[in-house]
Amino acid sequence: EQLKLMKNLKVIVAMGWAAIEELIGRHVESVTN
């Protein structure tokens, strides 16, 4: 809901393993990968 309110949004930074999985929508082995 917060992202929907960001009408000027250009880029999302996913910080950390759990955030990365949520934002890309699939399992990741590590942040480095």
PDB file of all heavy atoms in Angstrom:
ATOM      1  N   GLU A   1       0.826  -1.212   0.000  1.00  0.00           N
ATOM      2  CA  GLU A   1       0.000   0.000   0.000  1.00  0.00           C
ATOM      3  C   GLU A   1       0.857   1.258   0.000  1.00  0.00           C
ATOM      4  O   GLU A   1       0.511   2.261  -0.637  1.00  0.00           O
ATOM      5  CB  GLU A   1      -0.943  -0.006   1.208  1.00  0.00           C
ATOM      6  CG  GLU A   1      -2.065  -1.026   1.119  1.00  0.00           C
ATOM      7  CD  GLU A   1      -2.999  -0.769  -0.051  1.00  0.00           C
ATOM      8  OE1 GLU A   1      -3.485   0.360  -0.202  1.00  0.00           O
ATOM      9  OE2 GLU A   1      -3.232  -1.713  -0.820  1.00  0.00           O
ATOM     10  N   GLN A   2       1.973   1.223   0.717  1.00  0.00           N
ATOM     11  CA  GLN A   2       2.854   2.388   0.710  1.00  0.00           C
ATOM     12  C   GLN A   2       3.449   2.608  -0.679  1.00  0.00           C
ATOM     13  O   GLN A   2       3.507   3.746  -1.161  1.00  0.00           O
ATOM     14  CB  GLN A   2       3.979   2.208   1.735  1.00  0.00           C
ATOM     15  CG  GLN A   2       3.504   2.276   3.174  1.00  0.00           C
ATOM     16  CD  GLN A   2       4.638   2.425   4.153  1.00  0.00           C
ATOM     17  OE1 GLN A   2       5.413   3.383   4.095  1.00  0.00           O
ATOM     18  NE2 GLN A   2       4.749   1.477   5.075  1.00  0.00           N
ATOM     19  N   LEU A   3       3.868   1.528  -1.330  1.00  0.00           N
ATOM     20  CA  LEU A   3       4.433   1.669  -2.673  1.00  0.00           C
ATOM     21  C   LEU A   3       3.407   2.236  -3.646  1.00  0.00           C
ATOM     22  O   LEU A   3       3.747   3.027  -4.532  1.00  0.00           O
ATOM     23  CB  LEU A   3       4.945   0.316  -3.178  1.00  0.00           C
ATOM     24  CG  LEU A   3       6.191  -0.250  -2.486  1.00  0.00           C
ATOM     25  CD1 LEU A   3       6.557  -1.590  -3.102  1.00  0.00           C
ATOM     26  CD2 LEU A   3       7.365   0.715  -2.566  1.00  0.00           C
ATOM     27  N   LYS A   4       2.160   1.846  -3.492  1.00  0.00           N
ATOM     28  CA  LYS A   4       1.113   2.352  -4.391  1.00  0.00           C
ATOM     29  C   LYS A   4       0.941   3.856  -4.277  1.00  0.00           C
ATOM     30  O   LYS A   4       0.552   4.524  -5.239  1.00  0.00           O
ATOM     31  CB  LYS A   4      -0.210   1.661  -4.083  1.00  0.00           C
ATOM     32  CG  LYS A   4      -0.281   0.213  -4.475  1.00  0.00           C
ATOM     33  CD  LYS A   4      -1.692  -0.302  -4.218  1.00  0.00           C
ATOM     34  CE  LYS A   4      -1.687  -1.593  -3.477  1.00  0.00           C
ATOM     35  NZ  LYS A   4      -3.048  -2.083  -3.199  1.00  0.00           N
ATOM     36  N   LEU A   5       1.208   4.390  -3.085  1.00  0.00           N
ATOM     37  CA  LEU A   5       1.080   5.826  -2.873  1.00  0.00           C
ATOM     38  C   LEU A   5       2.259   6.619  -3.434  1.00  0.00           C
ATOM     39  O   LEU A   5       2.194   7.843  -3.555  1.00  0.00           O
ATOM     40  CB  LEU A   5       0.942   6.130  -1.373  1.00  0.00           C
ATOM     41  CG  LEU A   5      -0.383   5.732  -0.725  1.00  0.00           C
ATOM     42  CD1 LEU A   5      -0.277   5.830   0.798  1.00  0.00           C
ATOM     43  CD2 LEU A   5      -1.523   6.613  -1.233  1.00  0.00           C
ATOM     44  N   MET A   6       3.332   5.937  -3.802  1.00  0.00           N
ATOM     45  CA  MET A   6       4.538   6.611  -4.286  1.00  0.00           C
ATOM     46  C   MET A   6       4.454   6.817  -5.802  1.00  0.00           C
ATOM     47  O   MET A   6       4.972   6.017  -6.590  1.00  0.00           O
ATOM     48  CB  MET A   6       5.784   5.819  -3.892  1.00  0.00           C
ATOM     49  CG  MET A   6       5.982   5.709  -2.394  1.00  0.00           C
ATOM     50  SD  MET A   6       7.520   4.861  -1.923  1.00  0.00           S
ATOM     51  CE  MET A   6       8.750   6.084  -2.448  1.00  0.00           C
ATOM     52  N   LYS A   7       3.828   7.872  -6.204  1.00  0.00           N
ATOM     53  CA  LYS A   7       3.562   8.113  -7.625  1.00  0.00           C
ATOM     54  C   LYS A   7       4.816   8.467  -8.424  1.00  0.00           C
ATOM     55  O   LYS A   7       4.824   8.358  -9.658  1.00  0.00           O
ATOM     56  CB  LYS A   7       2.522   9.237  -7.770  1.00  0.00           C
ATOM     57  CG  LYS A   7       1.212   8.982  -7.018  1.00  0.00           C
ATOM     58  CD  LYS A   7       0.577   7.650  -7.416  1.00  0.00           C
ATOM     59  CE  LYS A   7      -0.747   7.433  -6.695  1.00  0.00           C
ATOM     60  NZ  LYS A   7      -1.328   6.097  -6.985  1.00  0.00           N
ATOM     61  N   ASN A   8       5.883   8.890  -7.751  1.00  0.00           N
ATOM     62  CA  ASN A   8       7.133   9.243  -8.444  1.00  0.00           C
ATOM     63  C   ASN A   8       8.187   8.142  -8.359  1.00  0.00           C
ATOM     64  O   ASN A   8       9.334   8.349  -8.754  1.00  0.00           O
ATOM     65  CB  ASN A   8       7.717  10.529  -7.845  1.00  0.00           C
ATOM     66  CG  ASN A   8       6.776  11.706  -7.993  1.00  0.00           C
ATOM     67  OD1 ASN A   8       6.092  11.851  -9.003  1.00  0.00           O
ATOM     68  ND2 ASN A   8       6.723  12.557  -6.973  1.00  0.00           N
ATOM     69  N   LEU A   9       7.794   6.973  -7.880  1.00  0.00           N
ATOM     70  CA  LEU A   9       8.747   5.904  -7.612  1.00  0.00           C
ATOM     71  C   LEU A   9       9.481   5.450  -8.871  1.00  0.00           C
ATOM     72  O   LEU A   9       8.874   5.132  -9.887  1.00  0.00           O
ATOM     73  CB  LEU A   9       8.013   4.712  -6.997  1.00  0.00           C
ATOM     74  CG  LEU A   9       8.870   3.519  -6.558  1.00  0.00           C
ATOM     75  CD1 LEU A   9       9.863   3.933  -5.485  1.00  0.00           C
ATOM     76  CD2 LEU A   9       7.967   2.393  -6.053  1.00  0.00           C
ATOM     77  N   LYS A  10      10.815   5.414  -8.777  1.00  0.00           N
ATOM     78  CA  LYS A  10      11.660   4.984  -9.889  1.00  0.00           C
ATOM     79  C   LYS A  10      12.421   3.696  -9.583  1.00  0.00           C
ATOM     80  O   LYS A  10      12.696   2.900 -10.484  1.00  0.00           O
ATOM     81  CB  LYS A  10      12.689   6.079 -10.211  1.00  0.00           C
ATOM     82  CG  LYS A  10      12.100   7.356 -10.769  1.00  0.00           C
ATOM     83  CD  LYS A  10      11.714   7.174 -12.223  1.00  0.00           C
ATOM     84  CE  LYS A  10      11.331   8.510 -12.857  1.00  0.00           C
ATOM     85  NZ  LYS A  10      11.002   8.340 -14.294  1.00  0.00           N
ATOM     86  N   VAL A  11      12.792   3.487  -8.315  1.00  0.00           N
ATOM     87  CA  VAL A  11      13.629   2.339  -7.975  1.00  0.00           C
ATOM     88  C   VAL A  11      13.375   1.929  -6.525  1.00  0.00           C
ATOM     89  O   VAL A  11      13.156   2.779  -5.656  1.00  0.00           O
ATOM     90  CB  VAL A  11      15.124   2.656  -8.213  1.00  0.00           C
ATOM     91  CG1 VAL A  11      15.559   3.872  -7.428  1.00  0.00           C
ATOM     92  CG2 VAL A  11      16.004   1.456  -7.883  1.00  0.00           C
ATOM     93  N   ILE A  12      13.381   0.614  -6.296  1.00  0.00           N
ATOM     94  CA  ILE A  12      13.202   0.046  -4.957  1.00  0.00           C
ATOM     95  C   ILE A  12      14.493  -0.662  -4.553  1.00  0.00           C
ATOM     96  O   ILE A  12      15.020  -1.475  -5.308  1.00  0.00           O
ATOM     97  CB  ILE A  12      12.043  -0.964  -4.923  1.00  0.00           C
ATOM     98  CG1 ILE A  12      10.739  -0.322  -5.401  1.00  0.00           C
ATOM     99  CG2 ILE A  12      11.866  -1.535  -3.523  1.00  0.00           C
ATOM    100  CD1 ILE A  12       9.627  -1.329  -5.679  1.00  0.00           C
ATOM    101  N   VAL A  13      14.979  -0.348  -3.357  1.00  0.00           N
ATOM    102  CA  VAL A  13      16.161  -1.018  -2.823  1.00  0.00           C
ATOM    103  C   VAL A  13      15.693  -2.080  -1.829  1.00  0.00           C
ATOM    104  O   VAL A  13      15.015  -1.763  -0.855  1.00  0.00           O
ATOM    105  CB  VAL A  13      17.105  -0.031  -2.111  1.00  0.00           C
ATOM    106  CG1 VAL A  13      18.390  -0.738  -1.693  1.00  0.00           C
ATOM    107  CG2 VAL A  13      17.408   1.160  -3.006  1.00  0.00           C
ATOM    108  N   ALA A  14      16.039  -3.327  -2.084  1.00  0.00           N
ATOM    109  CA  ALA A  14      15.713  -4.428  -1.176  1.00  0.00           C
ATOM    110  C   ALA A  14      16.934  -4.719  -0.324  1.00  0.00           C
ATOM    111  O   ALA A  14      17.943  -5.209  -0.821  1.00  0.00           O
ATOM    112  CB  ALA A  14      15.297  -5.658  -1.966  1.00  0.00           C
ATOM    113  N   MET A  15      16.855  -4.412   0.975  1.00  0.00           N
ATOM    114  CA  MET A  15      18.003  -4.549   1.871  1.00  0.00           C
ATOM    115  C   MET A  15      17.868  -5.786   2.732  1.00  0.00           C
ATOM    116  O   MET A  15      17.071  -5.826   3.664  1.00  0.00           O
ATOM    117  CB  MET A  15      18.149  -3.304   2.748  1.00  0.00           C
ATOM    118  CG  MET A  15      18.665  -2.098   2.012  1.00  0.00           C
ATOM    119  SD  MET A  15      19.144  -0.758   3.115  1.00  0.00           S
ATOM    120  CE  MET A  15      20.054   0.276   1.946  1.00  0.00           C
ATOM    121  N   GLY A  16      18.660  -6.799   2.417  1.00  0.00           N
ATOM    122  CA  GLY A  16      18.640  -8.023   3.196  1.00  0.00           C
ATOM    123  C   GLY A  16      17.883  -9.144   2.505  1.00  0.00           C
ATOM    124  O   GLY A  16      17.044  -8.924   1.631  1.00  0.00           O
ATOM    125  N   TRP A  17      18.199 -10.373   2.913  1.00  0.00           N
ATOM    126  CA  TRP A  17      17.687 -11.575   2.260  1.00  0.00           C
ATOM    127  C   TRP A  17      16.163 -11.623   2.191  1.00  0.00           C
ATOM    128  O   TRP A  17      15.583 -11.857   1.133  1.00  0.00           O
ATOM    129  CB  TRP A  17      18.253 -12.790   3.005  1.00  0.00           C
ATOM    130  CG  TRP A  17      17.620 -14.085   2.631  1.00  0.00           C
ATOM    131  CD1 TRP A  17      17.857 -14.820   1.502  1.00  0.00           C
ATOM    132  CD2 TRP A  17      16.637 -14.806   3.366  1.00  0.00           C
ATOM    133  NE1 TRP A  17      17.080 -15.956   1.497  1.00  0.00           N
ATOM    134  CE2 TRP A  17      16.327 -15.983   2.638  1.00  0.00           C
ATOM    135  CE3 TRP A  17      15.980 -14.586   4.585  1.00  0.00           C
ATOM    136  CZ2 TRP A  17      15.388 -16.920   3.085  1.00  0.00           C
ATOM    137  CZ3 TRP A  17      15.057 -15.526   5.025  1.00  0.00           C
ATOM    138  CH2 TRP A  17      14.777 -16.670   4.278  1.00  0.00           C
ATOM    139  N   ALA A  18      15.483 -11.395   3.335  1.00  0.00           N
ATOM    140  CA  ALA A  18      14.022 -11.497   3.357  1.00  0.00           C
ATOM    141  C   ALA A  18      13.374 -10.439   2.464  1.00  0.00           C
ATOM    142  O   ALA A  18      12.397 -10.712   1.755  1.00  0.00           O
ATOM    143  CB  ALA A  18      13.502 -11.365   4.786  1.00  0.00           C
ATOM    144  N   ALA A  19      13.914  -9.238   2.483  1.00  0.00           N
ATOM    145  CA  ALA A  19      13.376  -8.171   1.635  1.00  0.00           C
ATOM    146  C   ALA A  19      13.586  -8.494   0.161  1.00  0.00           C
ATOM    147  O   ALA A  19      12.700  -8.254  -0.671  1.00  0.00           O
ATOM    148  CB  ALA A  19      14.033  -6.836   1.987  1.00  0.00           C
ATOM    149  N   ILE A  20      14.731  -9.047  -0.162  1.00  0.00           N
ATOM    150  CA  ILE A  20      15.011  -9.391  -1.554  1.00  0.00           C
ATOM    151  C   ILE A  20      14.026 -10.447  -2.047  1.00  0.00           C
ATOM    152  O   ILE A  20      13.450 -10.322  -3.132  1.00  0.00           O
ATOM    153  CB  ILE A  20      16.463  -9.896  -1.698  1.00  0.00           C
ATOM    154  CG1 ILE A  20      17.448  -8.748  -1.426  1.00  0.00           C
ATOM    155  CG2 ILE A  20      16.699 -10.452  -3.107  1.00  0.00           C
ATOM    156  CD1 ILE A  20      18.886  -9.203  -1.266  1.00  0.00           C
ATOM    157  N   GLU A  21      13.806 -11.492  -1.240  1.00  0.00           N
ATOM    158  CA  GLU A  21      12.860 -12.533  -1.645  1.00  0.00           C
ATOM    159  C   GLU A  21      11.462 -11.971  -1.862  1.00  0.00           C
ATOM    160  O   GLU A  21      10.777 -12.342  -2.820  1.00  0.00           O
ATOM    161  CB  GLU A  21      12.817 -13.645  -0.597  1.00  0.00           C
ATOM    162  CG  GLU A  21      14.028 -14.540  -0.604  1.00  0.00           C
ATOM    163  CD  GLU A  21      13.753 -15.910  -0.007  1.00  0.00           C
ATOM    164  OE1 GLU A  21      12.767 -16.030   0.767  1.00  0.00           O
ATOM    165  OE2 GLU A  21      14.501 -16.832  -0.303  1.00  0.00           O
ATOM    166  N   GLU A  22      11.027 -11.095  -0.983  1.00  0.00           N
ATOM    167  CA  GLU A  22       9.700 -10.507  -1.137  1.00  0.00           C
ATOM    168  C   GLU A  22       9.583  -9.670  -2.407  1.00  0.00           C
ATOM    169  O   GLU A  22       8.579  -9.735  -3.115  1.00  0.00           O
ATOM    170  CB  GLU A  22       9.371  -9.634   0.083  1.00  0.00           C
ATOM    171  CG  GLU A  22       8.959 -10.401   1.312  1.00  0.00           C
ATOM    172  CD  GLU A  22       7.603 -11.066   1.139  1.00  0.00           C
ATOM    173  OE1 GLU A  22       6.601 -10.369   0.952  1.00  0.00           O
ATOM    174  OE2 GLU A  22       7.558 -12.313   1.169  1.00  0.00           O
ATOM    175  N   LEU A  23      10.611  -8.896  -2.693  1.00  0.00           N
ATOM    176  CA  LEU A  23      10.536  -7.977  -3.830  1.00  0.00           C
ATOM    177  C   LEU A  23      10.711  -8.670  -5.170  1.00  0.00           C
ATOM    178  O   LEU A  23      10.108  -8.253  -6.172  1.00  0.00           O
ATOM    179  CB  LEU A  23      11.575  -6.868  -3.675  1.00  0.00           C
ATOM    180  CG  LEU A  23      11.133  -5.584  -2.959  1.00  0.00           C
ATOM    181  CD1 LEU A  23      10.014  -4.900  -3.710  1.00  0.00           C
ATOM    182  CD2 LEU A  23      10.708  -5.832  -1.524  1.00  0.00           C
ATOM    183  N   ILE A  24      11.514  -9.739  -5.234  1.00  0.00           N
ATOM    184  CA  ILE A  24      11.688 -10.398  -6.525  1.00  0.00           C
ATOM    185  C   ILE A  24      10.763 -11.602  -6.670  1.00  0.00           C
ATOM    186  O   ILE A  24      10.661 -12.183  -7.749  1.00  0.00           O
ATOM    187  CB  ILE A  24      13.153 -10.781  -6.798  1.00  0.00           C
ATOM    188  CG1 ILE A  24      13.619 -11.921  -5.888  1.00  0.00           C
ATOM    189  CG2 ILE A  24      14.056  -9.572  -6.653  1.00  0.00           C
ATOM    190  CD1 ILE A  24      15.020 -12.406  -6.238  1.00  0.00           C
ATOM    191  N   GLY A  25      10.097 -11.980  -5.559  1.00  0.00           N
ATOM    192  CA  GLY A  25       9.054 -12.985  -5.637  1.00  0.00           C
ATOM    193  C   GLY A  25       9.514 -14.419  -5.743  1.00  0.00           C
ATOM    194  O   GLY A  25       8.754 -15.289  -6.188  1.00  0.00           O
ATOM    195  N   ARG A  26      10.748 -14.697  -5.326  1.00  0.00           N
ATOM    196  CA  ARG A  26      11.223 -16.086  -5.357  1.00  0.00           C
ATOM    197  C   ARG A  26      12.385 -16.264  -4.384  1.00  0.00           C
ATOM    198  O   ARG A  26      12.952 -15.287  -3.893  1.00  0.00           O
ATOM    199  CB  ARG A  26      11.657 -16.488  -6.770  1.00  0.00           C
ATOM    200  CG  ARG A  26      12.784 -15.658  -7.369  1.00  0.00           C
ATOM    201  CD  ARG A  26      13.145 -16.165  -8.758  1.00  0.00           C
ATOM    202  NE  ARG A  26      14.066 -15.308  -9.456  1.00  0.00           N
ATOM    203  CZ  ARG A  26      15.382 -15.323  -9.298  1.00  0.00           C
ATOM    204  NH1 ARG A  26      15.930 -16.147  -8.430  1.00  0.00           N
ATOM    205  NH2 ARG A  26      16.159 -14.513  -9.997  1.00  0.00           N
ATOM    206  N   HIS A  27      12.723 -17.532  -4.127  1.00  0.00           N
ATOM    207  CA  HIS A  27      13.798 -17.853  -3.193  1.00  0.00           C
ATOM    208  C   HIS A  27      15.155 -17.424  -3.745  1.00  0.00           C
ATOM    209  O   HIS A  27      15.420 -17.550  -4.948  1.00  0.00           O
ATOM    210  CB  HIS A  27      13.823 -19.353  -2.920  1.00  0.00           C
ATOM    211  CG  HIS A  27      14.967 -19.791  -2.077  1.00  0.00           C
ATOM    212  ND1 HIS A  27      15.086 -19.466  -0.734  1.00  0.00           N
ATOM    213  CD2 HIS A  27      16.076 -20.525  -2.381  1.00  0.00           C
ATOM    214  CE1 HIS A  27      16.201 -19.981  -0.262  1.00  0.00           C
ATOM    215  NE2 HIS A  27      16.822 -20.628  -1.232  1.00  0.00           N
ATOM    216  N   VAL A  28      16.006 -16.897  -2.865  1.00  0.00           N
ATOM    217  CA  VAL A  28      17.385 -16.588  -3.239  1.00  0.00           C
ATOM    218  C   VAL A  28      18.317 -17.280  -2.245  1.00  0.00           C
ATOM    219  O   VAL A  28      18.012 -17.384  -1.062  1.00  0.00           O
ATOM    220  CB  VAL A  28      17.669 -15.068  -3.256  1.00  0.00           C
ATOM    221  CG1 VAL A  28      16.845 -14.382  -4.329  1.00  0.00           C
ATOM    222  CG2 VAL A  28      17.401 -14.429  -1.901  1.00  0.00           C
ATOM    223  N   GLU A  29      19.435 -17.774  -2.744  1.00  0.00           N
ATOM    224  CA  GLU A  29      20.391 -18.481  -1.896  1.00  0.00           C
ATOM    225  C   GLU A  29      21.109 -17.543  -0.944  1.00  0.00           C
ATOM    226  O   GLU A  29      21.409 -17.889   0.201  1.00  0.00           O
ATOM    227  CB  GLU A  29      21.408 -19.225  -2.766  1.00  0.00           C
ATOM    228  CG  GLU A  29      20.823 -20.379  -3.554  1.00  0.00           C
ATOM    229  CD  GLU A  29      20.297 -21.496  -2.676  1.00  0.00           C
ATOM    230  OE1 GLU A  29      20.819 -21.676  -1.552  1.00  0.00           O
ATOM    231  OE2 GLU A  29      19.340 -22.179  -3.101  1.00  0.00           O
ATOM    232  N   SER A  30      21.425 -16.345  -1.423  1.00  0.00           N
ATOM    233  CA  SER A  30      22.153 -15.384  -0.601  1.00  0.00           C
ATOM    234  C   SER A  30      22.020 -13.998  -1.210  1.00  0.00           C
ATOM    235  O   SER A  30      21.636 -13.844  -2.376  1.00  0.00           O
ATOM    236  CB  SER A  30      23.637 -15.756  -0.520  1.00  0.00           C
ATOM    237  OG  SER A  30      24.261 -15.591  -1.788  1.00  0.00           O
ATOM    238  N   VAL A  31      22.334 -12.999  -0.406  1.00  0.00           N
ATOM    239  CA  VAL A  31      22.323 -11.619  -0.910  1.00  0.00           C
ATOM    240  C   VAL A  31      23.354 -11.458  -2.019  1.00  0.00           C
ATOM    241  O   VAL A  31      23.099 -10.805  -3.035  1.00  0.00           O
ATOM    242  CB  VAL A  31      22.601 -10.620   0.238  1.00  0.00           C
ATOM    243  CG1 VAL A  31      22.724  -9.197  -0.310  1.00  0.00           C
ATOM    244  CG2 VAL A  31      21.499 -10.690   1.280  1.00  0.00           C
ATOM    245  N   THR A  32      24.502 -12.073  -1.849  1.00  0.00           N
ATOM    246  CA  THR A  32      25.565 -11.978  -2.857  1.00  0.00           C
ATOM    247  C   THR A  32      25.084 -12.524  -4.199  1.00  0.00           C
ATOM    248  O   THR A  32      25.293 -11.901  -5.249  1.00  0.00           O
ATOM    249  CB  THR A  32      26.817 -12.745  -2.401  1.00  0.00           C
ATOM    250  OG1 THR A  32      27.291 -12.177  -1.171  1.00  0.00           O
ATOM    251  CG2 THR A  32      27.918 -12.658  -3.449  1.00  0.00           C
ATOM    252  N   ASN A  33      24.433 -13.685  -4.194  1.00  0.00           N
ATOM    253  CA  ASN A  33      23.907 -14.258  -5.432  1.00  0.00           C
ATOM    254  C   ASN A  33      22.878 -13.341  -6.076  1.00  0.00           C
ATOM    255  O   ASN A  33      22.852 -13.165  -7.303  1.00  0.00           O
ATOM    256  CB  ASN A  33      23.280 -15.628  -5.163  1.00  0.00           C
ATOM    257  CG  ASN A  33      24.310 -16.712  -4.935  1.00  0.00           C
ATOM    258  OD1 ASN A  33      25.497 -16.500  -5.148  1.00  0.00           O
ATOM    259  ND2 ASN A  33      23.866 -17.873  -4.493  1.00  0.00           N
TER     260      ASN A  33
END
